[in-house]
Amino acid sequence: MANLTISVSDEVLKRARIRALKENRSVNAMLGQYLEEYAQMDEVQRHRQRALQIVLTPAAQCRCGRNGKTWSRDELHER
């Protein structure tokens, strides 16, 4: 496992330690988790983009059109 040295203000570190203590974690653990999530953002974004494409592609190909009809909010929610 690699070691990392960072520089932050004393006040930021103090607040981070307090928050970590409230969550029963260390600042080191919090930073490790954040960096892991940060490193995976591209992969997560690709999955989200693919999921969005799966939903939008059939919607764009739908031939059931509205024929110019629009609805008001009240019409959509009337029972």
Protein backbone atom coordinates (compact mmCIF):
# COMPACT_ATOMS: atom_id res chain seq x y z
CA MET A 1 0.00 0.00 0.00
CA ALA A 2 1.34 3.44 -0.90
CA ASN A 3 1.72 6.38 1.47
CA LEU A 4 0.53 9.84 0.50
CA THR A 5 1.43 13.19 2.03
CA ILE A 6 -0.97 16.10 1.62
CA SER A 7 -1.07 19.66 2.91
CA VAL A 8 -4.22 21.15 4.37
CA SER A 9 -4.88 24.00 6.75
CA ASP A 10 -4.92 23.24 10.45
CA GLU A 11 -8.60 24.23 10.60
CA VAL A 12 -9.59 21.85 7.80
CA LEU A 13 -7.73 18.98 9.43
CA LYS A 14 -9.32 19.76 12.80
CA ARG A 15 -12.83 19.72 11.30
CA ALA A 16 -12.06 16.53 9.36
CA ARG A 17 -10.84 14.81 12.52
CA ILE A 18 -13.98 15.83 14.41
CA ARG A 19 -16.23 14.55 11.63
CA ALA A 20 -14.26 11.31 11.32
CA LEU A 21 -14.47 10.80 15.07
CA LYS A 22 -18.26 11.21 14.93
CA GLU A 23 -18.34 8.52 12.23
CA ASN A 24 -15.98 6.21 14.17
CA ARG A 25 -13.41 6.42 11.38
CA SER A 26 -10.01 7.92 10.83
CA VAL A 27 -9.20 10.78 8.49
CA ASN A 28 -6.90 8.32 6.72
CA ALA A 29 -9.81 5.90 6.14
CA MET A 30 -12.04 8.72 4.92
CA LEU A 31 -9.42 9.94 2.46
CA GLY A 32 -8.75 6.40 1.28
CA GLN A 33 -12.45 5.84 0.57
CA TYR A 34 -12.76 9.20 -1.18
CA LEU A 35 -9.75 8.49 -3.41
CA GLU A 36 -11.11 5.04 -4.27
CA GLU A 37 -14.46 6.54 -5.29
CA TYR A 38 -12.72 9.34 -7.18
CA ALA A 39 -10.58 6.85 -9.09
CA GLN A 40 -13.71 4.90 -10.15
CA MET A 41 -15.71 7.93 -11.37
CA ASP A 42 -14.98 7.32 -15.06
CA GLU A 43 -16.24 3.75 -14.78
CA VAL A 44 -19.37 4.82 -12.89
CA GLN A 45 -20.04 7.54 -15.46
CA ARG A 46 -19.76 4.99 -18.30
CA HIS A 47 -22.29 2.73 -16.54
CA ARG A 48 -24.69 5.65 -16.04
CA GLN A 49 -24.33 6.72 -19.66
CA ARG A 50 -25.01 3.16 -20.85
CA ALA A 51 -28.09 2.89 -18.61
CA LEU A 52 -29.39 6.19 -19.92
CA GLN A 53 -28.86 5.01 -23.49
CA ILE A 54 -30.77 1.79 -22.75
CA VAL A 55 -33.76 3.87 -21.63
CA LEU A 56 -33.63 6.67 -24.21
CA THR A 57 -33.02 4.60 -27.36
CA PRO A 58 -36.38 2.79 -27.30
CA ALA A 59 -38.12 6.04 -26.32
CA ALA A 60 -36.65 7.81 -29.36
CA GLN A 61 -37.71 4.93 -31.63
CA CYS A 62 -41.25 4.82 -30.31
CA ARG A 63 -43.83 5.43 -33.02
CA CYS A 64 -46.75 6.03 -30.66
CA GLY A 65 -46.49 9.85 -30.92
CA ARG A 66 -48.77 12.36 -29.29
CA ASN A 67 -49.94 13.85 -32.61
CA GLY A 68 -49.26 17.31 -31.21
CA LYS A 69 -51.40 16.72 -28.11
CA THR A 70 -50.17 18.21 -24.85
CA TRP A 71 -51.53 17.82 -21.35
CA SER A 72 -51.69 20.16 -18.40
CA ARG A 73 -50.41 19.10 -15.00
CA ASP A 74 -53.99 18.90 -13.73
CA GLU A 75 -55.01 16.62 -16.60
CA LEU A 76 -52.10 14.30 -15.95
CA HIS A 77 -52.95 14.03 -12.26
CA GLU A 78 -56.75 13.93 -12.37
CA ARG A 79 -58.35 10.76 -11.08
